[in-house]
Amino acid sequence: MLPVPRDIFSKRRGGVDKVTPEYLDNTTQVGEPRTRPSHDNEAALNDWKLRMAERRRQNLREGLTELHTRRVKFDTSMARKTARRQAERQQLIEAAEREDERLTNPTTTALIKSAQTVNGRLPDPNREQRLAEMKSRVEAKEAQKASDRQDALHTLYMHARNFIVSEPQLDKAIDKAFGTATEPVVWRNRGSSIWSEAVPQSIQDKLNAANRSRGTVMDNDWIANTTLKRVGKIAEQLTGGKMEKVKN
C-alpha cells in the first residue's frame, strides 16, 4: 500500500500550479554542456552523470504528473460520495412520515403541536393567580424559616448560661457532682456516688409516672410538676422564646 503523499499541489504553499508545462520546464531545465574531458575515464564518468541527471528530471516530471492525476481522481471520488450522501440525507429529511410511525405515535403529540403552531402558547387564564399564590407560599416558608432561626438562637442563648467555658467552672461542676477529696459525695452513707440528691429513677418509677400521665394515679407532686410545665409552656408562647425551667 502506497503512503499518503504530501499536499504538494496546494496553492497555499506558493500559489503555483506544479503540473503546468511552464513549471515542469523551469524545474527540469537542462544545464549548459561542459567541455569534453581529454581522458576516456573522465568522459565516461561525465556521460554517466548526464544520464543520471536526465533520469532525475524525467522521474520528477512523471512523478508530479502521476501524483496530480491520483489527486484529481481522489478528489472527484470524494466529491461524488459527499454529494450522494447529502442527497440521501436530504431525501430522508424531506420524506413523508411512514404509516406505521404515524399509527404508533401518541395522539397527543399532533394535538399539542397543532395548538402550539396555530394558536401559540396554550391558554392559561389562571396564570397570574397561580403565580401570586406560589409567591405567597414562598414568602410564608421564608418567614417560618426566619422565625425558626430566631427561636433556635434564643434557645441557644438560654442554654448557654450553663455552658462550661473555663477551667474554674469545670472544677466547680466536678466538685458539685463528685465532691472533694475530704468531703466526697455520698449516697445514703453507702459510699461515693454522683446521685447525692436522689436515688436514680427505676423502671417502676417510670411506669408510675406514665400511669399518672394517663390519669390512673393522681397526687400532689405530679399535679404541681404538670402545672409548672404547663405554665412554662404558656410563658414561652407569650414571650416568644425559651425560658428557664422553674424548680418547685
Protein backbone atom coordinates (compact mmCIF):
# COMPACT_ATOMS: atom_id res chain seq x y z
CA MET A 1 0.00 0.00 0.00
CA LEU A 2 1.39 3.37 -1.01
CA PRO A 3 1.91 6.01 1.68
CA VAL A 4 -0.22 9.16 1.72
CA PRO A 5 1.69 11.82 -0.21
CA ARG A 6 2.12 15.38 0.96
CA ASP A 7 -0.23 18.05 -0.31
CA ILE A 8 2.27 19.46 -2.81
CA PHE A 9 -0.46 20.79 -5.09
CA SER A 10 -1.96 23.17 -2.53
CA LYS A 11 -1.72 26.70 -3.83
CA ARG A 12 -1.41 27.99 -0.29
CA ARG A 13 2.25 26.94 -0.25
CA GLY A 14 3.28 29.09 -3.19
CA GLY A 15 0.33 29.69 -5.43
CA VAL A 16 1.96 27.84 -8.35
CA ASP A 17 0.38 25.01 -10.31
CA LYS A 18 3.06 22.31 -10.37
CA VAL A 19 1.72 20.38 -13.38
CA THR A 20 1.80 23.11 -16.00
CA PRO A 21 4.38 22.79 -18.82
CA GLU A 22 5.99 26.05 -17.78
CA TYR A 23 6.60 24.85 -14.23
CA LEU A 24 7.91 21.45 -15.40
CA ASP A 25 10.24 23.08 -17.95
CA ASN A 26 11.58 25.50 -15.35
CA THR A 27 12.04 22.76 -12.80
CA THR A 28 13.74 20.24 -15.16
CA GLN A 29 15.99 22.54 -17.14
CA VAL A 30 18.99 21.04 -18.91
CA GLY A 31 22.27 22.57 -17.90
CA GLU A 32 24.83 24.00 -20.27
CA PRO A 33 27.16 21.41 -21.87
CA ARG A 34 30.56 21.18 -20.34
CA THR A 35 33.86 20.86 -22.20
CA ARG A 36 34.59 17.31 -23.08
CA PRO A 37 37.44 15.95 -20.99
CA SER A 38 40.55 14.57 -22.62
CA HIS A 39 40.73 11.24 -20.81
CA ASP A 40 38.35 8.41 -21.63
CA ASN A 41 37.63 7.65 -17.96
CA GLU A 42 36.56 11.20 -17.26
CA ALA A 43 34.42 11.20 -20.42
CA ALA A 44 32.65 8.00 -19.35
CA LEU A 45 32.01 9.45 -15.86
CA ASN A 46 30.65 12.65 -17.36
CA ASP A 47 28.31 10.75 -19.67
CA TRP A 48 27.01 8.72 -16.72
CA LYS A 49 26.31 11.89 -14.72
CA LEU A 50 24.46 13.37 -17.69
CA ARG A 51 22.32 10.25 -18.00
CA MET A 52 21.57 10.27 -14.26
CA ALA A 53 20.57 13.93 -14.37
CA GLU A 54 18.25 13.30 -17.30
CA ARG A 55 16.74 10.33 -15.45
CA ARG A 56 16.07 12.50 -12.36
CA ARG A 57 14.42 15.17 -14.49
CA GLN A 58 12.24 12.55 -16.18
CA ASN A 59 11.29 10.97 -12.83
CA LEU A 60 10.37 14.37 -11.41
CA ARG A 61 8.10 15.16 -14.37
CA GLU A 62 6.46 11.73 -14.30
CA GLY A 63 6.09 11.79 -10.52
CA LEU A 64 4.37 15.18 -10.47
CA THR A 65 2.07 14.16 -13.30
CA GLU A 66 1.10 10.85 -11.69
CA LEU A 67 0.55 12.42 -8.27
CA HIS A 68 -1.65 15.12 -9.76
CA THR A 69 -3.68 12.53 -11.67
CA ARG A 70 -4.15 10.49 -8.47
CA ARG A 71 -5.10 13.63 -6.54
CA VAL A 72 -7.72 14.65 -9.10
CA LYS A 73 -9.16 11.15 -9.14
CA PHE A 74 -9.33 11.05 -5.32
CA ASP A 75 -10.96 14.49 -5.07
CA THR A 76 -13.50 13.55 -7.74
CA SER A 77 -14.36 10.32 -5.94
CA MET A 78 -14.76 12.07 -2.57
CA ALA A 79 -16.90 14.82 -4.09
CA ARG A 80 -19.13 12.21 -5.72
CA LYS A 81 -19.53 10.31 -2.41
CA THR A 82 -20.24 13.51 -0.49
CA ALA A 83 -22.85 14.63 -2.98
CA ARG A 84 -24.52 11.22 -2.87
CA ARG A 85 -24.64 11.20 0.94
CA GLN A 86 -26.03 14.71 1.06
CA ALA A 87 -28.69 13.79 -1.49
CA GLU A 88 -29.65 10.71 0.55
CA ARG A 89 -29.78 12.76 3.76
CA GLN A 90 -31.93 15.44 2.16
CA GLN A 91 -34.22 12.78 0.74
CA LEU A 92 -34.67 11.23 4.20
CA ILE A 93 -35.37 14.65 5.71
CA GLU A 94 -37.98 15.53 3.12
CA ALA A 95 -39.55 12.07 3.10
CA ALA A 96 -43.12 11.75 4.36
CA GLU A 97 -43.85 10.08 7.69
CA ARG A 98 -44.25 6.34 7.40
CA GLU A 99 -47.68 4.92 8.02
CA ASP A 100 -46.57 2.61 10.84
CA GLU A 101 -44.89 5.51 12.66
CA ARG A 102 -47.97 7.69 12.27
CA LEU A 103 -50.22 4.95 13.66
CA THR A 104 -47.96 4.13 16.62
CA ASN A 105 -47.17 7.71 17.66
CA PRO A 106 -49.16 9.15 20.61
CA THR A 107 -52.18 11.09 19.51
CA THR A 108 -51.46 13.92 21.94
CA THR A 109 -48.30 14.83 20.05
CA ALA A 110 -50.19 16.05 17.00
CA LEU A 111 -52.72 17.89 19.17
CA ILE A 112 -50.10 19.73 21.19
CA LYS A 113 -48.07 20.56 18.08
CA SER A 114 -51.16 21.94 16.37
CA ALA A 115 -52.07 24.07 19.40
CA GLN A 116 -48.55 25.47 19.67
CA THR A 117 -48.14 26.26 15.98
CA VAL A 118 -51.63 27.63 15.29
CA ASN A 119 -52.60 29.44 18.48
CA GLY A 120 -49.20 29.95 20.03
CA ARG A 121 -48.94 29.10 23.72
CA LEU A 122 -51.59 27.03 25.42
CA PRO A 123 -54.24 29.16 27.15
CA ASP A 124 -53.66 29.72 30.86
CA PRO A 125 -56.25 32.13 32.26
CA ASN A 126 -55.31 31.50 35.92
CA ARG A 127 -51.59 32.10 35.46
CA GLU A 128 -51.40 35.34 37.43
CA GLN A 129 -53.40 33.90 40.31
CA ARG A 130 -51.23 30.79 40.48
CA LEU A 131 -48.07 32.90 40.44
CA ALA A 132 -49.41 35.08 43.26
CA GLU A 133 -50.28 32.01 45.35
CA MET A 134 -46.88 30.48 44.74
CA LYS A 135 -45.20 33.73 45.73
CA SER A 136 -47.20 33.94 48.95
CA ARG A 137 -46.32 30.34 49.83
CA VAL A 138 -42.63 31.00 49.27
CA GLU A 139 -42.77 34.14 51.41
CA ALA A 140 -44.56 32.22 54.18
CA LYS A 141 -41.93 29.49 54.13
CA GLU A 142 -39.11 32.04 54.28
CA ALA A 143 -40.80 33.80 57.19
CA GLN A 144 -41.21 30.48 59.02
CA LYS A 145 -37.53 29.69 58.44
CA ALA A 146 -36.52 33.09 59.83
CA SER A 147 -38.73 32.56 62.88
CA ASP A 148 -37.26 29.10 63.48
CA ARG A 149 -33.75 30.52 63.26
CA GLN A 150 -34.56 33.23 65.79
CA ASP A 151 -36.11 30.68 68.15
CA ALA A 152 -33.06 28.43 67.81
CA LEU A 153 -30.73 31.36 68.56
CA HIS A 154 -32.76 32.32 71.63
CA THR A 155 -32.79 28.73 72.86
CA LEU A 156 -29.03 28.53 72.41
CA TYR A 157 -28.68 31.80 74.34
CA MET A 158 -30.76 30.45 77.21
CA HIS A 159 -28.88 27.15 77.34
CA ALA A 160 -25.52 28.89 77.08
CA ARG A 161 -25.90 30.14 80.65
CA ASN A 162 -24.95 26.70 81.92
CA PHE A 163 -22.15 26.05 79.43
CA ILE A 164 -18.73 25.36 80.90
CA VAL A 165 -16.26 27.65 79.15
CA SER A 166 -13.42 27.98 81.68
CA GLU A 167 -11.36 25.79 83.98
CA PRO A 168 -12.77 27.28 87.24
CA GLN A 169 -16.30 26.46 86.05
CA LEU A 170 -15.20 22.90 85.20
CA ASP A 171 -13.60 22.47 88.63
CA LYS A 172 -16.76 23.78 90.31
CA ALA A 173 -19.00 21.37 88.32
CA ILE A 174 -16.74 18.41 89.20
CA ASP A 175 -16.72 19.30 92.87
CA LYS A 176 -20.51 19.65 92.83
CA ALA A 177 -21.02 16.24 91.20
CA PHE A 178 -18.31 14.20 92.97
CA GLY A 179 -17.31 16.32 95.92
CA THR A 180 -13.79 16.93 97.15
CA ALA A 181 -11.16 14.57 98.46
CA THR A 182 -12.01 15.48 102.06
CA GLU A 183 -15.81 15.66 101.58
CA PRO A 184 -16.86 13.27 98.79
CA VAL A 185 -20.46 12.98 97.69
CA VAL A 186 -22.13 10.01 99.38
CA TRP A 187 -25.46 8.29 98.81
CA ARG A 188 -27.28 7.13 101.89
CA ASN A 189 -23.96 6.53 103.65
CA ARG A 190 -23.06 3.78 101.19
CA GLY A 191 -20.00 5.40 99.66
CA SER A 192 -19.09 7.80 96.89
CA SER A 193 -21.79 8.36 94.28
CA ILE A 194 -22.89 11.04 91.82
CA TRP A 195 -26.51 10.70 92.97
CA SER A 196 -26.33 12.71 96.14
CA GLU A 197 -29.77 14.28 95.98
CA ALA A 198 -31.99 11.35 94.98
CA VAL A 199 -31.95 7.71 94.00
CA PRO A 200 -31.80 7.03 90.24
CA GLN A 201 -35.24 6.56 88.76
CA SER A 202 -36.15 2.92 88.46
CA ILE A 203 -38.37 1.16 85.93
CA GLN A 204 -41.23 1.11 88.42
CA ASP A 205 -40.90 4.85 88.93
CA LYS A 206 -41.13 5.39 85.18
CA LEU A 207 -44.22 3.20 84.99
CA ASN A 208 -45.82 5.11 87.85
CA ALA A 209 -45.12 8.41 86.06
CA ALA A 210 -46.70 7.03 82.89
CA ASN A 211 -49.76 5.90 84.83
CA ARG A 212 -50.06 9.32 86.42
CA SER A 213 -49.98 10.94 82.99
CA ARG A 214 -52.91 8.71 81.95
CA GLY A 215 -54.93 9.77 84.96
CA THR A 216 -54.88 6.47 86.81
CA VAL A 217 -52.93 7.86 89.77
CA MET A 218 -53.09 11.49 90.88
CA ASP A 219 -51.02 13.02 93.66
CA ASN A 220 -49.99 16.50 94.69
CA ASP A 221 -46.39 16.25 93.42
CA TRP A 222 -47.46 15.15 89.96
CA ILE A 223 -50.10 17.90 89.76
CA ALA A 224 -47.55 20.50 90.82
CA ASN A 225 -44.96 19.33 88.28
CA THR A 226 -47.53 19.25 85.50
CA THR A 227 -48.76 22.71 86.37
CA LEU A 228 -45.22 24.08 86.32
CA LYS A 229 -44.58 22.58 82.92
CA ARG A 230 -47.81 23.97 81.51
CA VAL A 231 -47.15 27.42 82.95
CA GLY A 232 -43.66 27.34 81.46
CA LYS A 233 -45.00 26.50 78.01
CA ILE A 234 -47.60 29.27 78.25
CA ALA A 235 -44.90 31.75 79.27
CA GLU A 236 -42.72 30.67 76.35
CA GLN A 237 -45.62 31.17 73.94
CA LEU A 238 -46.35 34.62 75.34
CA THR A 239 -42.73 35.79 75.39
CA GLY A 240 -41.83 34.17 72.06
CA GLY A 241 -38.73 32.34 73.36
CA LYS A 242 -37.38 29.72 75.71
CA MET A 243 -37.39 30.32 79.46
CA GLU A 244 -35.55 28.74 82.32
CA LYS A 245 -37.24 25.81 83.97
CA VAL A 246 -38.92 26.68 87.22
CA LYS A 247 -37.94 24.40 90.12
CA ASN A 248 -40.55 23.56 92.70
